Amino acid sequence: MIKVERVSKKFKLPIEKRYTLFEEIVAFIRGKRDFVEFWALKDVTFNVKKGEIFGIMGPNGSGKSTLLKIIAGVLYPDSGKVEVRGKVTPILELGVGFNPELTAKENVYVYGVIMGLKKEEVKKKCDEIFRFAELERFKNMKLKNFSSGMYARLAFATAIATEPEILLIDEVLAVGDINFQRKCIEKIKELNENGTTIVVVSHSPEMIADICDRAMLLENGVVKAIGESKDIVGTYMKQYSSDGDI
């Protein structure tokens, strides 16, 4: 279903800021680079089986979100390859795929069409989307006036309505109240029982242990371990609980 082979990804990060034309000229004459290469992912290899819930854990800056964006096709690797078989629905950072100047209802229609649904299909699903998100009163409000929790509710409810074969979730459930998080987790389990393959990035050891079949631990862009979710959670807790990353 998902096959990632020796994937690496680098970014160019600025190393100093110049404020005057003279500083720019001096740097140019010296041939000085104003960026440094940062490898967000290094030689990452793993598979996700069809019908599996696969978790990705790691401290901040370990490359989790970058990896999910590569699987989603939002970013491209500098080396290696990714093979994905099935319709992918990503829930990435808040606001991605939404236009803050449009109303919630307008955004649902746009997102649904982008994900391959016909307008009539979106219309049929619209009421259920807002019911699940508990946002019926706000469907005609512009998204720029939404809180981060409201964004998260709408993003999750809209994504699951597209009936994905593969669902990618990046920490979006960390925003919002605990009751809605539980509601989403139950929905994830239901989707999986109906055949959806799910990859979830989370800082929550409890969530990974509860819903994932297997998991992977990333550190500084490198795969440290892959295995049963409870084993990976144990490794994660042992390694990072004392470092303040949990």
Protein backbone atom coordinates (compact mmCIF):
# COMPACT_ATOMS: atom_id res chain seq x y z
CA MET A 1 0.00 0.00 0.00
CA ILE A 2 2.81 2.45 0.95
CA LYS A 3 6.44 1.73 0.19
CA VAL A 4 9.18 4.20 1.15
CA GLU A 5 12.70 3.36 -0.01
CA ARG A 6 15.83 5.22 1.07
CA VAL A 7 14.11 8.62 1.10
CA SER A 8 16.16 11.69 1.96
CA LYS A 9 15.08 15.33 2.00
CA LYS A 10 17.14 18.48 2.55
CA PHE A 11 16.26 22.13 3.06
CA LYS A 12 18.39 25.25 2.74
CA LEU A 13 18.32 27.27 5.96
CA PRO A 14 19.58 30.88 6.18
CA ILE A 15 22.57 31.24 8.51
CA GLU A 16 22.78 34.99 8.85
CA LYS A 17 20.80 38.08 7.97
CA ARG A 18 22.39 41.02 6.16
CA TYR A 19 20.97 44.48 6.65
CA THR A 20 22.95 46.68 4.21
CA LEU A 21 23.95 46.62 0.55
CA PHE A 22 27.61 46.81 1.63
CA GLU A 23 27.25 43.55 3.62
CA GLU A 24 25.65 41.88 0.62
CA ILE A 25 28.50 43.01 -1.69
CA VAL A 26 31.19 41.83 0.74
CA ALA A 27 29.51 38.43 1.08
CA PHE A 28 29.25 38.12 -2.71
CA ILE A 29 32.95 38.98 -3.23
CA ARG A 30 33.98 36.46 -0.59
CA GLY A 31 31.77 33.84 -2.17
CA LYS A 32 30.14 33.30 1.18
CA ARG A 33 27.01 31.18 1.25
CA ASP A 34 24.11 32.58 3.23
CA PHE A 35 22.50 29.20 3.84
CA VAL A 36 23.30 25.82 5.28
CA GLU A 37 21.94 22.47 4.12
CA PHE A 38 19.70 20.76 6.67
CA TRP A 39 18.80 17.11 6.12
CA ALA A 40 15.28 16.63 7.47
CA LEU A 41 15.22 12.96 6.39
CA LYS A 42 18.12 10.61 5.79
CA ASP A 43 17.77 7.25 4.05
CA VAL A 44 14.30 6.48 5.44
CA THR A 45 12.90 3.06 4.50
CA PHE A 46 9.65 1.40 5.67
CA ASN A 47 6.41 -0.15 4.42
CA VAL A 48 2.79 0.26 5.47
CA LYS A 49 0.57 -2.72 4.76
CA LYS A 50 -2.93 -2.47 3.35
CA GLY A 51 -5.50 -2.09 6.13
CA GLU A 52 -2.88 -1.21 8.74
CA ILE A 53 -2.77 1.70 11.18
CA PHE A 54 0.86 2.83 11.26
CA GLY A 55 2.18 5.39 13.75
CA ILE A 56 5.12 7.74 13.40
CA MET A 57 6.71 9.08 16.60
CA GLY A 58 9.72 11.19 17.43
CA PRO A 59 10.81 14.39 19.17
CA ASN A 60 10.25 17.82 17.65
CA GLY A 61 12.30 18.34 14.50
CA SER A 62 12.74 14.63 13.80
CA GLY A 63 11.22 14.83 10.29
CA LYS A 64 7.76 13.37 10.96
CA SER A 65 5.74 16.05 9.21
CA THR A 66 8.18 16.26 6.31
CA LEU A 67 7.84 12.52 5.77
CA LEU A 68 4.05 12.69 5.79
CA LYS A 69 4.11 15.52 3.24
CA ILE A 70 6.31 13.43 0.96
CA ILE A 71 3.91 10.48 1.19
CA ALA A 72 1.05 12.90 0.41
CA GLY A 73 2.90 14.26 -2.62
CA VAL A 74 3.11 17.79 -1.22
CA LEU A 75 6.92 17.59 -1.10
CA TYR A 76 9.33 15.58 -3.24
CA PRO A 77 12.36 13.71 -1.88
CA ASP A 78 15.88 14.65 -2.96
CA SER A 79 16.67 10.96 -3.24
CA GLY A 80 14.87 7.66 -2.85
CA LYS A 81 11.35 6.83 -3.93
CA VAL A 82 7.82 6.51 -2.58
CA GLU A 83 5.18 4.17 -3.96
CA VAL A 84 1.58 4.68 -2.87
CA ARG A 85 -1.28 2.50 -4.08
CA GLY A 86 -4.70 3.96 -3.35
CA LYS A 87 -6.54 7.26 -3.01
CA VAL A 88 -4.72 9.41 -0.46
CA THR A 89 -6.50 11.92 1.79
CA PRO A 90 -4.06 13.98 3.90
CA ILE A 91 -4.88 15.95 7.04
CA LEU A 92 -1.71 18.00 7.43
CA GLU A 93 -1.09 21.14 9.48
CA LEU A 94 -4.08 23.32 10.24
CA GLY A 95 -5.41 25.32 7.33
CA VAL A 96 -3.73 23.41 4.51
CA GLY A 97 -6.20 23.04 1.66
CA PHE A 98 -8.56 25.67 3.08
CA ASN A 99 -9.07 29.32 2.08
CA PRO A 100 -9.56 31.59 5.10
CA GLU A 101 -11.51 34.10 3.02
CA LEU A 102 -14.20 31.53 2.17
CA THR A 103 -16.91 30.30 4.50
CA ALA A 104 -16.69 26.88 6.10
CA LYS A 105 -19.37 25.54 3.76
CA GLU A 106 -17.61 26.92 0.68
CA ASN A 107 -14.36 25.33 1.83
CA VAL A 108 -16.04 21.96 2.26
CA TYR A 109 -17.27 22.11 -1.34
CA VAL A 110 -13.87 23.16 -2.70
CA TYR A 111 -11.99 20.52 -0.71
CA GLY A 112 -14.45 17.79 -1.66
CA VAL A 113 -14.14 18.55 -5.36
CA ILE A 114 -10.34 18.68 -5.12
CA MET A 115 -10.43 15.23 -3.51
CA GLY A 116 -12.43 13.85 -6.43
CA LEU A 117 -16.03 14.10 -5.25
CA LYS A 118 -18.77 15.44 -7.47
CA LYS A 119 -20.61 18.56 -6.32
CA GLU A 120 -23.78 16.51 -5.78
CA GLU A 121 -21.85 14.08 -3.56
CA VAL A 122 -20.48 16.92 -1.46
CA LYS A 123 -23.97 18.36 -1.10
CA LYS A 124 -25.25 15.03 0.25
CA LYS A 125 -22.39 14.78 2.74
CA CYS A 126 -22.34 18.45 3.82
CA ASP A 127 -24.81 18.24 6.71
CA GLU A 128 -23.10 15.14 8.12
CA ILE A 129 -19.70 16.85 7.91
CA PHE A 130 -20.90 19.78 10.01
CA ARG A 131 -22.75 17.47 12.41
CA PHE A 132 -19.63 15.40 13.03
CA ALA A 133 -17.52 18.55 13.43
CA GLU A 134 -20.19 20.01 15.77
CA LEU A 135 -20.07 23.22 13.73
CA GLU A 136 -23.62 23.42 12.33
CA ARG A 137 -24.02 27.03 13.53
CA PHE A 138 -20.80 28.15 11.89
CA LYS A 139 -21.09 26.81 8.33
CA ASN A 140 -21.55 30.33 6.91
CA MET A 141 -18.71 31.88 8.91
CA LYS A 142 -15.43 32.70 7.17
CA LEU A 143 -12.59 30.42 8.20
CA LYS A 144 -10.37 33.36 9.14
CA ASN A 145 -12.63 33.75 12.18
CA PHE A 146 -12.27 30.09 13.25
CA SER A 147 -10.20 29.02 16.22
CA SER A 148 -7.52 26.36 15.73
CA GLY A 149 -9.84 23.82 17.35
CA MET A 150 -12.64 24.64 14.90
CA TYR A 151 -10.18 24.32 12.01
CA ALA A 152 -9.16 20.88 13.25
CA ARG A 153 -12.76 19.70 13.58
CA LEU A 154 -13.64 20.84 10.06
CA ALA A 155 -10.46 19.40 8.53
CA PHE A 156 -11.00 15.96 10.07
CA ALA A 157 -14.73 15.81 9.32
CA THR A 158 -14.23 16.88 5.70
CA ALA A 159 -11.35 14.46 5.12
CA ILE A 160 -13.17 11.38 6.39
CA ALA A 161 -16.21 12.27 4.27
CA THR A 162 -14.15 11.72 1.09
CA GLU A 163 -14.06 7.97 1.90
CA PRO A 164 -10.26 7.67 1.71
CA GLU A 165 -8.40 4.47 0.93
CA ILE A 166 -5.34 5.92 2.66
CA LEU A 167 -5.67 8.54 5.41
CA LEU A 168 -2.65 10.58 6.54
CA ILE A 169 -3.05 12.44 9.86
CA ASP A 170 -0.45 14.89 11.15
CA GLU A 171 -1.00 15.92 14.78
CA VAL A 172 -4.31 17.60 13.93
CA LEU A 173 -6.01 15.75 16.78
CA ALA A 174 -3.70 17.44 19.29
CA VAL A 175 -5.84 20.57 18.89
CA GLY A 176 -9.26 20.85 20.48
CA ASP A 177 -11.06 19.30 23.42
CA ILE A 178 -10.56 15.79 24.71
CA ASN A 179 -14.10 14.65 23.90
CA PHE A 180 -13.73 15.47 20.23
CA GLN A 181 -10.34 13.74 20.17
CA ARG A 182 -11.96 10.57 21.49
CA LYS A 183 -14.69 10.90 18.89
CA CYS A 184 -12.05 11.13 16.15
CA ILE A 185 -10.14 8.13 17.48
CA GLU A 186 -13.32 6.03 17.41
CA LYS A 187 -13.93 7.18 13.83
CA ILE A 188 -10.36 6.24 12.86
CA LYS A 189 -10.94 2.73 14.24
CA GLU A 190 -14.23 2.48 12.33
CA LEU A 191 -12.60 3.58 9.06
CA ASN A 192 -9.83 1.05 9.57
CA GLU A 193 -12.32 -1.75 10.22
CA ASN A 194 -13.85 -0.86 6.85
CA GLY A 195 -10.48 -1.19 5.10
CA THR A 196 -8.88 2.26 5.26
CA THR A 197 -5.09 2.29 5.65
CA ILE A 198 -4.04 4.99 8.12
CA VAL A 199 -0.72 6.67 8.88
CA VAL A 200 -0.78 8.90 11.95
CA VAL A 201 1.87 11.26 13.34
CA SER A 202 1.42 11.92 17.04
CA HIS A 203 3.25 12.95 20.19
CA SER A 204 0.74 10.97 22.23
CA PRO A 205 2.15 7.60 23.36
CA GLU A 206 -1.30 6.60 24.58
CA MET A 207 -2.90 7.22 21.20
CA ILE A 208 -0.19 5.37 19.26
CA ALA A 209 -0.38 2.37 21.61
CA ASP A 210 -4.17 2.37 21.49
CA ILE A 211 -4.89 2.56 17.77
CA CYS A 212 -1.73 1.59 15.85
CA ASP A 213 -0.73 -1.91 14.75
CA ARG A 214 2.89 -0.92 14.18
CA ALA A 215 4.92 2.24 14.65
CA MET A 216 8.21 3.85 13.72
CA LEU A 217 10.53 6.04 15.78
CA LEU A 218 12.32 8.89 13.99
CA GLU A 219 15.20 10.92 15.38
CA ASN A 220 17.01 13.68 13.47
CA GLY A 221 15.55 12.35 10.22
CA VAL A 222 16.83 8.80 10.80
CA VAL A 223 14.75 5.67 11.49
CA LYS A 224 15.68 4.44 14.95
CA ALA A 225 13.19 1.60 15.29
CA ILE A 226 10.18 -0.05 13.64
CA GLY A 227 7.98 -2.60 15.35
CA GLU A 228 4.82 -3.32 17.30
CA SER A 229 3.30 -0.04 18.48
CA LYS A 230 3.54 -0.83 22.20
CA ASP A 231 7.24 -1.71 21.85
CA ILE A 232 7.97 1.54 20.00
CA VAL A 233 6.01 3.55 22.56
CA GLY A 234 8.06 1.93 25.32
CA THR A 235 11.31 2.88 23.57
CA TYR A 236 10.04 6.42 23.00
CA MET A 237 9.01 6.88 26.63
CA LYS A 238 12.28 5.50 27.94
CA GLN A 239 14.38 7.67 25.65
CA TYR A 240 12.55 11.00 25.69
CA SER A 241 10.40 11.30 28.82
CA SER A 242 13.36 12.64 30.80
CA ASP A 243 14.29 15.10 28.04
CA GLY A 244 11.04 17.07 28.15
CA ASP A 245 9.98 16.09 24.63
CA ILE A 246 6.79 14.36 25.79
